[in-house]
PDB file of all heavy atoms in Angstrom:
ATOM      1  N   ALA A   1       0.863  -1.171  -0.029  1.00  0.00           N
ATOM      2  CA  ALA A   1       0.025   0.044   0.019  1.00  0.00           C
ATOM      3  C   ALA A   1       0.896   1.240  -0.005  1.00  0.00           C
ATOM      4  O   ALA A   1       1.916   1.237   0.682  1.00  0.00           O
ATOM      5  CB  ALA A   1      -0.866   0.006   1.223  1.00  0.00           C
ATOM      6  N   GLU A   2       0.511   2.218  -0.765  1.00  0.00           N
ATOM      7  CA  GLU A   2       1.344   3.495  -0.717  1.00  0.00           C
ATOM      8  C   GLU A   2       0.862   4.354   0.386  1.00  0.00           C
ATOM      9  O   GLU A   2       1.594   5.227   0.917  1.00  0.00           O
ATOM     10  CB  GLU A   2       1.379   4.127  -2.054  1.00  0.00           C
ATOM     11  CG  GLU A   2       0.097   4.790  -2.552  1.00  0.00           C
ATOM     12  CD  GLU A   2       0.275   5.530  -3.862  1.00  0.00           C
ATOM     13  OE1 GLU A   2       1.390   5.803  -4.315  1.00  0.00           O
ATOM     14  OE2 GLU A   2      -0.712   5.836  -4.484  1.00  0.00           O
ATOM     15  N   LYS A   3      -0.431   4.137   0.803  1.00  0.00           N
ATOM     16  CA  LYS A   3      -0.920   4.881   1.921  1.00  0.00           C
ATOM     17  C   LYS A   3      -2.111   4.083   2.495  1.00  0.00           C
ATOM     18  O   LYS A   3      -2.598   3.216   1.875  1.00  0.00           O
ATOM     19  CB  LYS A   3      -1.330   6.289   1.575  1.00  0.00           C
ATOM     20  CG  LYS A   3      -2.514   6.435   0.617  1.00  0.00           C
ATOM     21  CD  LYS A   3      -2.743   7.909   0.325  1.00  0.00           C
ATOM     22  CE  LYS A   3      -3.960   7.936  -0.658  1.00  0.00           C
ATOM     23  NZ  LYS A   3      -4.436   9.294  -0.879  1.00  0.00           N
ATOM     24  N   TYR A   4      -2.496   4.461   3.709  1.00  0.00           N
ATOM     25  CA  TYR A   4      -3.605   3.843   4.310  1.00  0.00           C
ATOM     26  C   TYR A   4      -4.310   4.813   5.274  1.00  0.00           C
ATOM     27  O   TYR A   4      -3.666   5.800   5.709  1.00  0.00           O
ATOM     28  CB  TYR A   4      -3.256   2.583   5.123  1.00  0.00           C
ATOM     29  CG  TYR A   4      -2.249   2.795   6.261  1.00  0.00           C
ATOM     30  CD1 TYR A   4      -2.728   2.989   7.558  1.00  0.00           C
ATOM     31  CD2 TYR A   4      -0.918   2.869   6.061  1.00  0.00           C
ATOM     32  CE1 TYR A   4      -1.846   3.262   8.593  1.00  0.00           C
ATOM     33  CE2 TYR A   4      -0.055   3.101   7.104  1.00  0.00           C
ATOM     34  CZ  TYR A   4      -0.535   3.260   8.362  1.00  0.00           C
ATOM     35  OH  TYR A   4       0.357   3.587   9.373  1.00  0.00           O
ATOM     36  N   GLU A   5      -5.608   4.556   5.539  1.00  0.00           N
ATOM     37  CA  GLU A   5      -6.329   5.397   6.445  1.00  0.00           C
ATOM     38  C   GLU A   5      -7.109   4.465   7.410  1.00  0.00           C
ATOM     39  O   GLU A   5      -7.480   3.391   7.029  1.00  0.00           O
ATOM     40  CB  GLU A   5      -7.371   6.255   5.708  1.00  0.00           C
ATOM     41  CG  GLU A   5      -6.896   7.345   4.770  1.00  0.00           C
ATOM     42  CD  GLU A   5      -7.135   6.922   3.336  1.00  0.00           C
ATOM     43  OE1 GLU A   5      -8.195   6.353   3.046  1.00  0.00           O
ATOM     44  OE2 GLU A   5      -6.394   7.333   2.482  1.00  0.00           O
ATOM     45  N   ALA A   6      -7.262   4.954   8.643  1.00  0.00           N
ATOM     46  CA  ALA A   6      -8.065   4.232   9.653  1.00  0.00           C
ATOM     47  C   ALA A   6      -8.850   5.348  10.350  1.00  0.00           C
ATOM     48  O   ALA A   6      -8.477   5.838  11.401  1.00  0.00           O
ATOM     49  CB  ALA A   6      -7.123   3.511  10.603  1.00  0.00           C
ATOM     50  N   PRO A   7      -9.989   5.699   9.709  1.00  0.00           N
ATOM     51  CA  PRO A   7     -10.803   6.755  10.326  1.00  0.00           C
ATOM     52  C   PRO A   7     -11.375   6.400  11.681  1.00  0.00           C
ATOM     53  O   PRO A   7     -11.710   7.272  12.441  1.00  0.00           O
ATOM     54  CB  PRO A   7     -11.964   6.956   9.318  1.00  0.00           C
ATOM     55  CG  PRO A   7     -11.965   5.658   8.490  1.00  0.00           C
ATOM     56  CD  PRO A   7     -10.601   5.165   8.508  1.00  0.00           C
ATOM     57  N   ASP A   8     -11.475   5.090  11.885  1.00  0.00           N
ATOM     58  CA  ASP A   8     -11.935   4.632  13.246  1.00  0.00           C
ATOM     59  C   ASP A   8     -11.198   3.295  13.471  1.00  0.00           C
ATOM     60  O   ASP A   8     -10.552   2.805  12.580  1.00  0.00           O
ATOM     61  CB  ASP A   8     -13.412   4.510  13.345  1.00  0.00           C
ATOM     62  CG  ASP A   8     -14.001   3.668  12.226  1.00  0.00           C
ATOM     63  OD1 ASP A   8     -13.564   2.526  12.092  1.00  0.00           O
ATOM     64  OD2 ASP A   8     -14.885   4.161  11.483  1.00  0.00           O
ATOM     65  N   ALA A   9     -11.404   2.702  14.597  1.00  0.00           N
ATOM     66  CA  ALA A   9     -10.657   1.404  14.875  1.00  0.00           C
ATOM     67  C   ALA A   9     -11.415   0.205  14.302  1.00  0.00           C
ATOM     68  O   ALA A   9     -11.098  -0.904  14.616  1.00  0.00           O
ATOM     69  CB  ALA A   9     -10.521   1.279  16.341  1.00  0.00           C
ATOM     70  N   GLN A  10     -12.395   0.502  13.397  1.00  0.00           N
ATOM     71  CA  GLN A  10     -13.123  -0.653  12.792  1.00  0.00           C
ATOM     72  C   GLN A  10     -12.946  -0.657  11.279  1.00  0.00           C
ATOM     73  O   GLN A  10     -13.178  -1.689  10.613  1.00  0.00           O
ATOM     74  CB  GLN A  10     -14.654  -0.397  13.010  1.00  0.00           C
ATOM     75  CG  GLN A  10     -15.046  -0.732  14.408  1.00  0.00           C
ATOM     76  CD  GLN A  10     -16.526  -0.434  14.613  1.00  0.00           C
ATOM     77  OE1 GLN A  10     -16.872   0.553  15.286  1.00  0.00           O
ATOM     78  NE2 GLN A  10     -17.319  -1.340  14.125  1.00  0.00           N
ATOM     79  N   THR A  11     -12.449   0.456  10.634  1.00  0.00           N
ATOM     80  CA  THR A  11     -12.379   0.545   9.187  1.00  0.00           C
ATOM     81  C   THR A  11     -10.949   0.871   8.804  1.00  0.00           C
ATOM     82  O   THR A  11     -10.381   1.824   9.299  1.00  0.00           O
ATOM     83  CB  THR A  11     -13.324   1.584   8.645  1.00  0.00           C
ATOM     84  OG1 THR A  11     -14.613   1.352   9.109  1.00  0.00           O
ATOM     85  CG2 THR A  11     -13.303   1.608   7.113  1.00  0.00           C
ATOM     86  N   TYR A  12     -10.360   0.094   7.917  1.00  0.00           N
ATOM     87  CA  TYR A  12      -8.986   0.294   7.464  1.00  0.00           C
ATOM     88  C   TYR A  12      -9.043   0.285   5.938  1.00  0.00           C
ATOM     89  O   TYR A  12      -9.412  -0.678   5.293  1.00  0.00           O
ATOM     90  CB  TYR A  12      -8.089  -0.755   8.021  1.00  0.00           C
ATOM     91  CG  TYR A  12      -8.065  -0.859   9.490  1.00  0.00           C
ATOM     92  CD1 TYR A  12      -9.009  -1.634  10.200  1.00  0.00           C
ATOM     93  CD2 TYR A  12      -7.171  -0.073  10.249  1.00  0.00           C
ATOM     94  CE1 TYR A  12      -9.077  -1.628  11.600  1.00  0.00           C
ATOM     95  CE2 TYR A  12      -7.212  -0.070  11.594  1.00  0.00           C
ATOM     96  CZ  TYR A  12      -8.161  -0.820  12.257  1.00  0.00           C
ATOM     97  OH  TYR A  12      -8.126  -0.880  13.702  1.00  0.00           O
ATOM     98  N   THR A  13      -8.551   1.341   5.362  1.00  0.00           N
ATOM     99  CA  THR A  13      -8.570   1.497   3.905  1.00  0.00           C
ATOM    100  C   THR A  13      -7.128   1.584   3.401  1.00  0.00           C
ATOM    101  O   THR A  13      -6.373   2.423   3.901  1.00  0.00           O
ATOM    102  CB  THR A  13      -9.355   2.741   3.402  1.00  0.00           C
ATOM    103  OG1 THR A  13     -10.679   2.647   3.925  1.00  0.00           O
ATOM    104  CG2 THR A  13      -9.327   2.809   1.919  1.00  0.00           C
ATOM    105  N   PHE A  14      -6.800   0.762   2.429  1.00  0.00           N
ATOM    106  CA  PHE A  14      -5.416   0.665   1.871  1.00  0.00           C
ATOM    107  C   PHE A  14      -5.464   1.033   0.374  1.00  0.00           C
ATOM    108  O   PHE A  14      -6.352   0.562  -0.311  1.00  0.00           O
ATOM    109  CB  PHE A  14      -4.822  -0.744   2.023  1.00  0.00           C
ATOM    110  CG  PHE A  14      -4.816  -1.239   3.469  1.00  0.00           C
ATOM    111  CD1 PHE A  14      -5.863  -1.934   3.926  1.00  0.00           C
ATOM    112  CD2 PHE A  14      -3.724  -0.962   4.278  1.00  0.00           C
ATOM    113  CE1 PHE A  14      -5.890  -2.393   5.286  1.00  0.00           C
ATOM    114  CE2 PHE A  14      -3.777  -1.463   5.621  1.00  0.00           C
ATOM    115  CZ  PHE A  14      -4.833  -2.156   6.051  1.00  0.00           C
ATOM    116  N   HIS A  15      -4.550   1.915  -0.055  1.00  0.00           N
ATOM    117  CA  HIS A  15      -4.428   2.251  -1.458  1.00  0.00           C
ATOM    118  C   HIS A  15      -3.148   1.749  -1.958  1.00  0.00           C
ATOM    119  O   HIS A  15      -2.023   2.031  -1.519  1.00  0.00           O
ATOM    120  CB  HIS A  15      -4.455   3.824  -1.536  1.00  0.00           C
ATOM    121  CG  HIS A  15      -5.653   4.389  -0.935  1.00  0.00           C
ATOM    122  ND1 HIS A  15      -6.861   4.489  -1.606  1.00  0.00           N
ATOM    123  CD2 HIS A  15      -5.902   4.967   0.320  1.00  0.00           C
ATOM    124  CE1 HIS A  15      -7.758   5.076  -0.826  1.00  0.00           C
ATOM    125  NE2 HIS A  15      -7.179   5.314   0.328  1.00  0.00           N
ATOM    126  N   LEU A  16      -3.257   0.755  -2.916  1.00  0.00           N
ATOM    127  CA  LEU A  16      -2.089   0.085  -3.413  1.00  0.00           C
ATOM    128  C   LEU A  16      -1.152   0.930  -4.245  1.00  0.00           C
ATOM    129  O   LEU A  16      -1.599   1.859  -4.907  1.00  0.00           O
ATOM    130  CB  LEU A  16      -2.492  -1.098  -4.334  1.00  0.00           C
ATOM    131  CG  LEU A  16      -3.392  -2.177  -3.644  1.00  0.00           C
ATOM    132  CD1 LEU A  16      -3.719  -3.301  -4.619  1.00  0.00           C
ATOM    133  CD2 LEU A  16      -2.691  -2.738  -2.418  1.00  0.00           C
ATOM    134  N   ARG A  17       0.113   0.596  -4.209  1.00  0.00           N
ATOM    135  CA  ARG A  17       1.069   1.353  -5.046  1.00  0.00           C
ATOM    136  C   ARG A  17       0.855   0.970  -6.487  1.00  0.00           C
ATOM    137  O   ARG A  17       0.430  -0.145  -6.806  1.00  0.00           O
ATOM    138  CB  ARG A  17       2.499   0.818  -4.690  1.00  0.00           C
ATOM    139  CG  ARG A  17       2.983   1.169  -3.311  1.00  0.00           C
ATOM    140  CD  ARG A  17       4.432   0.750  -3.101  1.00  0.00           C
ATOM    141  NE  ARG A  17       4.810   0.994  -1.732  1.00  0.00           N
ATOM    142  CZ  ARG A  17       5.166   2.190  -1.206  1.00  0.00           C
ATOM    143  NH1 ARG A  17       5.180   3.201  -2.044  1.00  0.00           N
ATOM    144  NH2 ARG A  17       5.431   2.353   0.002  1.00  0.00           N
ATOM    145  N   PRO A  18       1.025   1.906  -7.358  1.00  0.00           N
ATOM    146  CA  PRO A  18       0.816   1.574  -8.785  1.00  0.00           C
ATOM    147  C   PRO A  18       1.970   0.724  -9.315  1.00  0.00           C
ATOM    148  O   PRO A  18       3.115   0.816  -8.825  1.00  0.00           O
ATOM    149  CB  PRO A  18       0.793   2.951  -9.436  1.00  0.00           C
ATOM    150  CG  PRO A  18       1.514   3.873  -8.533  1.00  0.00           C
ATOM    151  CD  PRO A  18       1.340   3.290  -7.117  1.00  0.00           C
ATOM    152  N   ASN A  19       1.698   0.003 -10.358  1.00  0.00           N
ATOM    153  CA  ASN A  19       2.777  -0.725 -11.097  1.00  0.00           C
ATOM    154  C   ASN A  19       3.563  -1.731 -10.256  1.00  0.00           C
ATOM    155  O   ASN A  19       4.689  -1.959 -10.513  1.00  0.00           O
ATOM    156  CB  ASN A  19       3.735   0.278 -11.770  1.00  0.00           C
ATOM    157  CG  ASN A  19       2.985   1.235 -12.647  1.00  0.00           C
ATOM    158  OD1 ASN A  19       2.076   0.828 -13.403  1.00  0.00           O
ATOM    159  ND2 ASN A  19       3.297   2.445 -12.553  1.00  0.00           N
ATOM    160  N   VAL A  20       2.901  -2.366  -9.289  1.00  0.00           N
ATOM    161  CA  VAL A  20       3.542  -3.463  -8.569  1.00  0.00           C
ATOM    162  C   VAL A  20       3.064  -4.746  -9.249  1.00  0.00           C
ATOM    163  O   VAL A  20       1.885  -4.921  -9.526  1.00  0.00           O
ATOM    164  CB  VAL A  20       3.122  -3.489  -7.085  1.00  0.00           C
ATOM    165  CG1 VAL A  20       3.630  -4.734  -6.401  1.00  0.00           C
ATOM    166  CG2 VAL A  20       3.569  -2.253  -6.424  1.00  0.00           C
ATOM    167  N   SER A  21       4.035  -5.620  -9.560  1.00  0.00           N
ATOM    168  CA  SER A  21       3.779  -6.902 -10.212  1.00  0.00           C
ATOM    169  C   SER A  21       4.291  -8.059  -9.437  1.00  0.00           C
ATOM    170  O   SER A  21       5.356  -7.878  -8.687  1.00  0.00           O
ATOM    171  CB  SER A  21       4.314  -6.920 -11.633  1.00  0.00           C
ATOM    172  OG  SER A  21       3.740  -5.895 -12.373  1.00  0.00           O
ATOM    173  N   PHE A  22       3.748  -9.177  -9.611  1.00  0.00           N
ATOM    174  CA  PHE A  22       4.320 -10.437  -9.042  1.00  0.00           C
ATOM    175  C   PHE A  22       5.527 -10.826  -9.881  1.00  0.00           C
ATOM    176  O   PHE A  22       5.714 -10.298 -10.958  1.00  0.00           O
ATOM    177  CB  PHE A  22       3.247 -11.544  -9.078  1.00  0.00           C
ATOM    178  CG  PHE A  22       2.143 -11.333  -8.064  1.00  0.00           C
ATOM    179  CD1 PHE A  22       0.877 -10.947  -8.416  1.00  0.00           C
ATOM    180  CD2 PHE A  22       2.399 -11.596  -6.704  1.00  0.00           C
ATOM    181  CE1 PHE A  22      -0.105 -10.751  -7.476  1.00  0.00           C
ATOM    182  CE2 PHE A  22       1.400 -11.383  -5.770  1.00  0.00           C
ATOM    183  CZ  PHE A  22       0.141 -10.978  -6.166  1.00  0.00           C
ATOM    184  N   ALA A  23       6.269 -11.797  -9.375  1.00  0.00           N
ATOM    185  CA  ALA A  23       7.504 -12.248 -10.117  1.00  0.00           C
ATOM    186  C   ALA A  23       7.081 -12.747 -11.511  1.00  0.00           C
ATOM    187  O   ALA A  23       6.009 -13.331 -11.688  1.00  0.00           O
ATOM    188  CB  ALA A  23       8.123 -13.366  -9.283  1.00  0.00           C
ATOM    189  N   ASN A  24       7.992 -12.630 -12.429  1.00  0.00           N
ATOM    190  CA  ASN A  24       7.714 -13.048 -13.794  1.00  0.00           C
ATOM    191  C   ASN A  24       8.033 -14.545 -14.028  1.00  0.00           C
ATOM    192  O   ASN A  24       8.829 -14.859 -14.807  1.00  0.00           O
ATOM    193  CB  ASN A  24       8.556 -12.163 -14.747  1.00  0.00           C
ATOM    194  CG  ASN A  24       8.033 -12.385 -16.216  1.00  0.00           C
ATOM    195  OD1 ASN A  24       6.905 -12.878 -16.413  1.00  0.00           O
ATOM    196  ND2 ASN A  24       8.872 -11.926 -17.140  1.00  0.00           N
ATOM    197  N   VAL A  25       7.271 -15.371 -13.272  1.00  0.00           N
ATOM    198  CA  VAL A  25       7.385 -16.814 -13.320  1.00  0.00           C
ATOM    199  C   VAL A  25       5.985 -17.370 -13.247  1.00  0.00           C
ATOM    200  O   VAL A  25       5.069 -16.691 -12.685  1.00  0.00           O
ATOM    201  CB  VAL A  25       8.270 -17.433 -12.193  1.00  0.00           C
ATOM    202  CG1 VAL A  25       9.684 -17.039 -12.372  1.00  0.00           C
ATOM    203  CG2 VAL A  25       7.811 -17.060 -10.829  1.00  0.00           C
ATOM    204  N   ALA A  26       5.706 -18.497 -13.846  1.00  0.00           N
ATOM    205  CA  ALA A  26       4.395 -19.132 -13.755  1.00  0.00           C
ATOM    206  C   ALA A  26       4.083 -19.473 -12.306  1.00  0.00           C
ATOM    207  O   ALA A  26       4.978 -19.810 -11.581  1.00  0.00           O
ATOM    208  CB  ALA A  26       4.399 -20.409 -14.699  1.00  0.00           C
TER     209      ALA A  26
END
């Protein structure tokens, strides 16, 4: 996540980093 918010102790929002990929293997 490039950033996250927790407006209360029940809700957690994560914003993923752009252009992240898994390894280039099957």
